[in-house]
Amino acid sequence: MRYQGKPSRCGRVRYQWLGVSMAALVAVLLAAACGSASSSKPSAAASKSGAALKVTTIGYALSGPANDGGYYQDQAQEIKRIGQAAGIKVIVDQNADPNSAAVFEDLARQGAQVVIADGSEFTPAMMSFSKNTAFNSTLPLMISGDPPVASTYATAGGNELQAHFMGGVAAGLLLQQHGRNVACDVAGLNVTFVKNAALAMKAGLHYFNPKYKFLSTFTGDFNNAALAASASKALIAQGCYVLYPYLGGAIPAALNAATKAHILAVATSFNRCGTSASPPIAMSILYNPAFYLPSVVRALELGQIHRGQHWRLFSVGSNVGIGAVICHPTAHQTQVLNQVRKKLATGAINVPKLIGSNVQG
């Protein structure tokens, strides 16, 4: 099962969220009504005409704090922003227990027609809640790149494997630019979705140049700063020049180690290019749910998401922000990344086939 051993995970980084204007948000909401040809298509059942859902209240469960300045806060701010623009009440439950169905039961009792979980770490709680007939009128939706493991809830997510593949290509471009040959990933627990992110990034790096080296290590803890710093220093000692932290609260420790060693650092889950980031960032790997939440909410209002379906997997070609960027790219780097994005979006590059697994965060 996809959720086996899955903790609160990558992207829980304490950085300031980059917002968008209300006008831009409304525009995105309107555009989402038309769908996106470049995102993966909904299942046949999901494509059937469904009755519009009267959404007046959405419950949103976060497995971390809503003020972390990063992954969780991005989602909390975005779902509230959408709610304000659309006249929908939003209830955010932060630091929620992913093993407790009471999380979703409480949200449903507060009037939520839809309860959303921020990741598949909530699968145990979602499974229990979604099978409770007392809440049949509430739609359970989990943010996940994988299909539901039961027919009682729905999923929708971003393609992290494609994002990390692009991240590997971007890392290769930076190595080429600086005359280096080693990129690395310092991660938390050694579980499938974390390993697959590393494998996807390695595949992207080797797609660009098979002679480049990719090093990865697992600290066993997403939030332990001491372990992250020690692991990062060990990777740097082995020649790592582009360091990516697939961590949580320990991300600053890894990035600080990169800065002290004067190597290039990578931002996790959202774009920090063009900001006065400290430490400075050379590239970003992008897959935060905040990118596609406007499309999800619009689909909910149109009755397009149903129990038992993986409604949509937003690819790097979906124009919502999934992928990877170099902060100060050359014309050549931009051209290469655009070519890779197109191949990923059209299926010419199949990341699950390359790494032998489709499990992702």
Protein backbone atom coordinates (compact mmCIF):
# COMPACT_ATOMS: atom_id res chain seq x y z
CA MET A 1 0.00 0.00 0.00
CA ARG A 2 1.18 3.47 -0.82
CA TYR A 3 0.73 4.86 2.67
CA GLN A 4 2.75 2.18 4.44
CA GLY A 5 5.27 3.86 6.66
CA LYS A 6 4.61 7.28 5.19
CA PRO A 7 5.34 10.17 7.57
CA SER A 8 4.85 13.87 7.19
CA ARG A 9 7.31 14.51 4.45
CA CYS A 10 9.30 16.66 2.10
CA GLY A 11 8.56 20.24 1.36
CA ARG A 12 7.68 21.16 4.94
CA VAL A 13 10.22 23.94 4.61
CA ARG A 14 10.19 27.12 6.62
CA TYR A 15 10.24 29.66 3.80
CA GLN A 16 8.01 32.61 3.14
CA TRP A 17 5.12 31.78 0.81
CA LEU A 18 4.96 33.59 -2.50
CA GLY A 19 1.36 34.72 -2.96
CA VAL A 20 -0.65 35.71 -5.98
CA SER A 21 -3.10 38.53 -6.39
CA MET A 22 -6.81 37.97 -5.96
CA ALA A 23 -7.39 38.95 -9.56
CA ALA A 24 -4.91 36.35 -10.73
CA LEU A 25 -6.55 33.73 -8.53
CA VAL A 26 -9.99 34.42 -9.94
CA ALA A 27 -8.54 34.14 -13.42
CA VAL A 28 -7.07 30.76 -12.55
CA LEU A 29 -10.37 29.59 -11.15
CA LEU A 30 -12.15 30.57 -14.34
CA ALA A 31 -9.51 28.93 -16.50
CA ALA A 32 -9.74 25.73 -14.47
CA ALA A 33 -13.36 25.34 -15.49
CA CYS A 34 -12.16 24.54 -19.00
CA GLY A 35 -9.67 21.93 -17.82
CA SER A 36 -6.12 21.44 -19.09
CA ALA A 37 -5.25 19.30 -22.05
CA SER A 38 -1.70 18.87 -20.81
CA SER A 39 -2.58 17.49 -17.40
CA SER A 40 -3.36 13.81 -17.17
CA LYS A 41 -6.96 13.04 -18.00
CA PRO A 42 -9.55 12.05 -15.39
CA SER A 43 -10.79 8.46 -15.43
CA ALA A 44 -13.68 7.58 -17.70
CA ALA A 45 -16.05 7.53 -14.75
CA ALA A 46 -14.88 10.95 -13.62
CA SER A 47 -15.55 12.32 -17.08
CA LYS A 48 -19.21 11.45 -16.88
CA SER A 49 -21.58 14.28 -16.25
CA GLY A 50 -22.17 14.64 -12.54
CA ALA A 51 -24.48 16.82 -10.51
CA ALA A 52 -22.78 19.98 -9.31
CA LEU A 53 -21.85 19.80 -5.64
CA LYS A 54 -23.13 22.63 -3.49
CA VAL A 55 -19.88 23.52 -1.78
CA THR A 56 -20.38 25.99 1.01
CA THR A 57 -17.77 24.58 3.42
CA ILE A 58 -14.45 22.77 2.86
CA GLY A 59 -12.51 21.05 5.62
CA TYR A 60 -8.74 20.86 5.04
CA ALA A 61 -6.49 18.65 7.17
CA LEU A 62 -2.77 19.39 7.44
CA SER A 63 -0.32 16.95 9.00
CA GLY A 64 1.86 19.89 10.03
CA PRO A 65 1.55 23.49 11.23
CA ALA A 66 -0.28 26.04 9.07
CA ASN A 67 2.36 28.66 9.90
CA ASP A 68 5.49 26.68 8.94
CA GLY A 69 6.31 29.23 6.26
CA GLY A 70 6.37 26.56 3.58
CA TYR A 71 4.61 23.43 2.36
CA TYR A 72 1.74 23.45 4.87
CA GLN A 73 1.36 27.21 4.97
CA ASP A 74 1.27 27.36 1.17
CA GLN A 75 -1.75 25.09 1.14
CA ALA A 76 -3.49 26.73 4.08
CA GLN A 77 -3.14 30.19 2.58
CA GLU A 78 -4.16 29.08 -0.89
CA ILE A 79 -7.29 27.16 0.15
CA LYS A 80 -8.37 30.11 2.32
CA ARG A 81 -7.70 32.51 -0.53
CA ILE A 82 -9.80 30.38 -2.88
CA GLY A 83 -12.56 30.15 -0.31
CA GLN A 84 -12.65 33.91 0.12
CA ALA A 85 -12.79 34.45 -3.66
CA ALA A 86 -15.51 31.83 -4.18
CA GLY A 87 -17.60 32.52 -1.07
CA ILE A 88 -16.72 29.16 0.51
CA LYS A 89 -16.07 28.72 4.21
CA VAL A 90 -12.75 26.94 4.80
CA ILE A 91 -11.86 25.13 8.02
CA VAL A 92 -8.16 24.24 8.34
CA ASP A 93 -7.19 21.59 10.88
CA GLN A 94 -3.43 21.79 11.42
CA ASN A 95 -1.10 19.24 13.06
CA ALA A 96 -3.83 16.66 12.47
CA ASP A 97 -3.28 13.01 13.37
CA PRO A 98 -3.08 11.08 10.07
CA ASN A 99 -4.20 7.91 11.83
CA SER A 100 -7.37 9.35 13.37
CA ALA A 101 -10.70 9.34 11.52
CA ALA A 102 -11.91 11.86 14.09
CA VAL A 103 -10.01 14.52 12.12
CA PHE A 104 -12.44 14.22 9.21
CA GLU A 105 -15.47 13.41 11.34
CA ASP A 106 -15.05 16.70 13.21
CA LEU A 107 -14.72 18.64 9.95
CA ALA A 108 -17.84 16.97 8.55
CA ARG A 109 -19.81 17.76 11.71
CA GLN A 110 -18.85 21.41 11.24
CA GLY A 111 -20.69 21.36 7.91
CA ALA A 112 -17.95 20.46 5.40
CA GLN A 113 -19.37 18.93 2.21
CA VAL A 114 -15.78 18.07 1.22
CA VAL A 115 -12.91 17.04 3.49
CA ILE A 116 -9.41 17.23 2.00
CA ALA A 117 -6.24 15.61 3.33
CA ASP A 118 -2.91 17.21 2.41
CA GLY A 119 -1.13 13.92 1.62
CA SER A 120 -1.37 10.16 1.61
CA GLU A 121 0.04 9.93 5.13
CA PHE A 122 -3.66 10.40 5.96
CA THR A 123 -4.66 7.13 4.25
CA PRO A 124 -5.42 5.23 7.51
CA ALA A 125 -7.69 8.03 8.75
CA MET A 126 -9.23 8.59 5.32
CA MET A 127 -9.97 4.88 4.86
CA SER A 128 -11.76 4.68 8.19
CA PHE A 129 -13.72 7.90 7.71
CA SER A 130 -14.74 7.19 4.11
CA LYS A 131 -16.20 3.80 5.05
CA ASN A 132 -18.37 5.26 7.81
CA THR A 133 -21.90 5.35 6.36
CA ALA A 134 -22.82 8.16 8.75
CA PHE A 135 -20.78 10.48 6.51
CA ASN A 136 -21.84 9.25 3.08
CA SER A 137 -22.92 12.75 2.10
CA THR A 138 -19.40 14.11 2.63
CA LEU A 139 -16.82 13.71 -0.16
CA PRO A 140 -13.40 12.56 1.11
CA LEU A 141 -10.52 13.77 -1.10
CA MET A 142 -6.85 13.10 -0.56
CA ILE A 143 -4.02 15.03 -2.22
CA SER A 144 -1.94 12.24 -3.72
CA GLY A 145 -0.24 11.38 -6.97
CA ASP A 146 -1.50 7.81 -6.65
CA PRO A 147 -4.99 6.31 -7.16
CA PRO A 148 -7.06 5.60 -4.04
CA VAL A 149 -6.51 2.18 -2.49
CA ALA A 150 -10.25 1.91 -1.79
CA SER A 151 -13.39 2.95 -3.68
CA THR A 152 -14.64 5.08 -0.81
CA TYR A 153 -12.55 8.21 -1.34
CA ALA A 154 -11.02 10.22 -4.20
CA THR A 155 -7.50 11.43 -4.94
CA ALA A 156 -5.89 14.19 -7.00
CA GLY A 157 -2.28 15.29 -7.07
CA GLY A 158 0.80 16.60 -8.80
CA ASN A 159 3.36 14.46 -10.60
CA GLU A 160 6.34 14.54 -8.24
CA LEU A 161 8.22 11.96 -10.29
CA GLN A 162 8.20 14.21 -13.34
CA ALA A 163 9.15 17.20 -11.20
CA HIS A 164 12.14 15.37 -9.75
CA PHE A 165 13.21 14.09 -13.17
CA MET A 166 13.24 17.69 -14.39
CA GLY A 167 15.11 18.57 -11.22
CA GLY A 168 17.80 16.06 -12.15
CA VAL A 169 18.13 17.60 -15.61
CA ALA A 170 18.34 21.09 -14.08
CA ALA A 171 21.03 19.88 -11.68
CA GLY A 172 22.96 18.45 -14.63
CA LEU A 173 22.78 21.77 -16.46
CA LEU A 174 24.17 23.57 -13.41
CA LEU A 175 26.96 21.02 -13.02
CA GLN A 176 27.87 21.52 -16.66
CA GLN A 177 27.89 25.30 -16.22
CA HIS A 178 30.20 25.14 -13.21
CA GLY A 179 32.49 22.37 -14.44
CA ARG A 180 31.42 19.89 -11.74
CA ASN A 181 29.97 16.37 -11.92
CA VAL A 182 28.21 15.40 -8.66
CA ALA A 183 24.65 16.18 -7.48
CA CYS A 184 23.12 14.80 -4.31
CA ASP A 185 19.93 14.32 -2.30
CA VAL A 186 19.76 14.32 1.49
CA ALA A 187 16.43 12.79 2.54
CA GLY A 188 14.57 11.56 5.59
CA LEU A 189 13.10 8.10 5.98
CA ASN A 190 14.12 5.32 3.61
CA VAL A 191 10.61 4.57 2.33
CA THR A 192 9.31 4.00 -1.19
CA PHE A 193 8.09 7.46 -2.15
CA VAL A 194 11.27 9.08 -0.84
CA LYS A 195 13.49 6.58 -2.66
CA ASN A 196 11.49 7.11 -5.85
CA ALA A 197 12.01 10.87 -5.70
CA ALA A 198 15.76 10.24 -5.53
CA LEU A 199 15.58 7.68 -8.34
CA ALA A 200 13.63 10.10 -10.54
CA MET A 201 16.14 12.87 -9.93
CA LYS A 202 19.02 10.49 -10.65
CA ALA A 203 17.30 9.40 -13.87
CA GLY A 204 17.00 13.03 -14.94
CA LEU A 205 20.64 13.72 -14.15
CA HIS A 206 21.77 10.68 -16.15
CA TYR A 207 19.43 11.59 -18.98
CA PHE A 208 21.37 14.82 -19.29
CA ASN A 209 24.78 13.23 -18.76
CA PRO A 210 25.20 9.55 -17.81
CA LYS A 211 28.73 10.25 -16.57
CA TYR A 212 27.55 12.55 -13.80
CA LYS A 213 27.31 11.09 -10.29
CA PHE A 214 24.24 11.16 -8.06
CA LEU A 215 24.61 10.55 -4.33
CA SER A 216 21.73 10.09 -1.90
CA THR A 217 21.51 9.46 1.80
CA PHE A 218 18.65 8.92 4.26
CA THR A 219 18.93 10.40 7.73
CA GLY A 220 15.94 8.52 9.14
CA ASP A 221 14.25 11.74 10.24
CA PHE A 222 12.77 14.58 8.18
CA ASN A 223 13.10 17.11 10.97
CA ASN A 224 16.38 16.35 12.75
CA ALA A 225 18.65 19.29 11.93
CA ALA A 226 21.80 17.71 13.35
CA LEU A 227 21.40 14.60 11.20
CA ALA A 228 20.65 16.69 8.12
CA ALA A 229 23.72 18.87 8.64
CA SER A 230 25.95 15.84 9.23
CA ALA A 231 24.60 13.99 6.18
CA SER A 232 24.95 17.08 3.98
CA LYS A 233 28.55 17.60 5.04
CA ALA A 234 29.30 13.94 4.28
CA LEU A 235 27.82 14.28 0.79
CA ILE A 236 29.71 17.51 0.18
CA ALA A 237 32.94 15.77 1.23
CA GLN A 238 32.25 13.25 -1.53
CA GLY A 239 32.16 15.98 -4.14
CA CYS A 240 28.49 17.03 -4.13
CA TYR A 241 28.08 20.42 -5.80
CA VAL A 242 24.27 20.62 -6.20
CA LEU A 243 22.46 19.65 -2.99
CA TYR A 244 18.73 18.91 -2.78
CA PRO A 245 17.12 18.44 0.66
CA TYR A 246 14.06 16.17 0.50
CA LEU A 247 13.36 16.91 4.14
CA GLY A 248 10.97 18.75 6.44
CA GLY A 249 11.99 20.96 9.32
CA ALA A 250 15.64 19.99 8.76
CA ILE A 251 15.82 21.69 5.36
CA PRO A 252 17.46 24.91 6.68
CA ALA A 253 20.26 22.86 8.23
CA ALA A 254 21.01 21.18 4.90
CA LEU A 255 20.88 24.45 2.99
CA ASN A 256 23.14 26.17 5.51
CA ALA A 257 25.67 23.36 5.08
CA ALA A 258 25.56 23.94 1.32
CA THR A 259 26.07 27.68 1.75
CA LYS A 260 29.04 27.26 4.09
CA ALA A 261 30.63 24.89 1.57
CA HIS A 262 29.96 27.34 -1.29
CA ILE A 263 27.98 24.84 -3.34
CA LEU A 264 24.59 25.19 -5.04
CA ALA A 265 21.36 24.63 -3.08
CA VAL A 266 17.93 23.51 -4.31
CA ALA A 267 14.54 24.71 -3.00
CA THR A 268 11.96 22.07 -2.15
CA SER A 269 8.38 22.02 -3.54
CA PHE A 270 7.96 25.65 -4.56
CA ASN A 271 9.82 28.38 -6.40
CA ARG A 272 12.19 30.54 -4.38
CA CYS A 273 13.96 31.99 -7.39
CA GLY A 274 13.80 35.76 -7.61
CA THR A 275 13.49 36.18 -3.85
CA SER A 276 15.95 37.45 -1.28
CA ALA A 277 16.29 33.91 0.02
CA SER A 278 18.82 33.12 2.70
CA PRO A 279 20.65 30.90 2.03
CA PRO A 280 20.59 31.65 -1.72
CA ILE A 281 18.93 29.14 -4.05
CA ALA A 282 20.23 28.04 -7.47
CA MET A 283 17.17 26.05 -8.60
CA SER A 284 13.77 24.84 -7.41
CA ILE A 285 11.90 21.54 -7.78
CA LEU A 286 8.17 22.35 -7.87
CA TYR A 287 5.19 20.22 -6.84
CA ASN A 288 3.33 22.01 -4.05
CA PRO A 289 -0.45 21.29 -3.97
CA ALA A 290 -1.06 25.05 -3.74
CA PHE A 291 -0.32 25.17 -7.48
CA TYR A 292 -3.40 23.16 -8.47
CA LEU A 293 -5.83 23.70 -5.61
CA PRO A 294 -7.83 26.27 -7.66
CA SER A 295 -8.50 23.59 -10.30
CA VAL A 296 -9.46 21.05 -7.64
CA VAL A 297 -11.98 23.36 -5.99
CA ARG A 298 -13.54 24.31 -9.31
CA ALA A 299 -13.88 20.63 -10.23
CA LEU A 300 -15.56 19.96 -6.88
CA GLU A 301 -18.11 22.68 -7.59
CA LEU A 302 -18.79 21.19 -11.02
CA GLY A 303 -19.34 17.72 -9.58
CA GLN A 304 -16.36 16.25 -11.46
CA ILE A 305 -14.71 14.47 -8.54
CA HIS A 306 -16.23 11.27 -7.18
CA ARG A 307 -15.38 8.58 -4.65
CA GLY A 308 -13.14 5.79 -5.92
CA GLN A 309 -11.44 7.91 -8.58
CA HIS A 310 -8.04 9.43 -9.09
CA TRP A 311 -9.48 12.60 -10.57
CA ARG A 312 -6.33 14.09 -12.02
CA LEU A 313 -2.55 13.88 -11.88
CA PHE A 314 -1.20 17.29 -12.84
CA SER A 315 1.84 16.79 -15.03
CA VAL A 316 4.70 19.14 -15.86
CA GLY A 317 2.66 20.12 -18.92
CA SER A 318 -0.42 21.16 -16.97
CA ASN A 319 0.58 24.84 -16.74
CA VAL A 320 0.01 24.98 -12.98
CA GLY A 321 3.68 25.09 -11.97
CA ILE A 322 4.78 21.44 -11.61
CA GLY A 323 8.38 20.88 -12.71
CA ALA A 324 11.76 22.48 -12.03
CA VAL A 325 13.41 25.82 -12.73
CA ILE A 326 16.93 27.23 -12.69
CA CYS A 327 16.97 30.61 -11.01
CA HIS A 328 19.22 32.41 -13.47
CA PRO A 329 19.12 30.21 -16.57
CA THR A 330 21.11 30.68 -19.73
CA ALA A 331 19.30 30.46 -23.06
CA HIS A 332 20.70 26.95 -23.51
CA GLN A 333 19.47 25.82 -20.08
CA THR A 334 15.99 27.19 -20.75
CA GLN A 335 15.88 25.43 -24.11
CA VAL A 336 16.91 22.07 -22.62
CA LEU A 337 14.39 22.26 -19.77
CA ASN A 338 11.61 23.22 -22.19
CA GLN A 339 12.45 20.23 -24.38
CA VAL A 340 12.46 17.86 -21.41
CA ARG A 341 9.18 19.31 -20.13
CA LYS A 342 7.56 18.64 -23.51
CA LYS A 343 8.84 15.05 -23.61
CA LEU A 344 7.57 14.39 -20.10
CA ALA A 345 4.19 15.95 -20.83
CA THR A 346 3.70 13.90 -24.02
CA GLY A 347 4.92 10.64 -22.50
CA ALA A 348 8.07 10.46 -24.62
CA ILE A 349 9.90 10.23 -21.28
CA ASN A 350 8.14 7.81 -18.91
CA VAL A 351 9.62 8.23 -15.45
CA PRO A 352 7.81 5.30 -13.72
CA LYS A 353 9.13 3.01 -16.47
CA LEU A 354 12.65 4.37 -16.02
CA ILE A 355 12.71 3.83 -12.25
CA GLY A 356 10.51 0.73 -12.13
CA SER A 357 7.80 2.20 -9.87
CA ASN A 358 4.94 4.73 -10.02
CA VAL A 359 4.64 5.31 -6.25
CA GLN A 360 5.08 8.98 -5.38
CA GLY A 361 4.31 11.60 -2.78
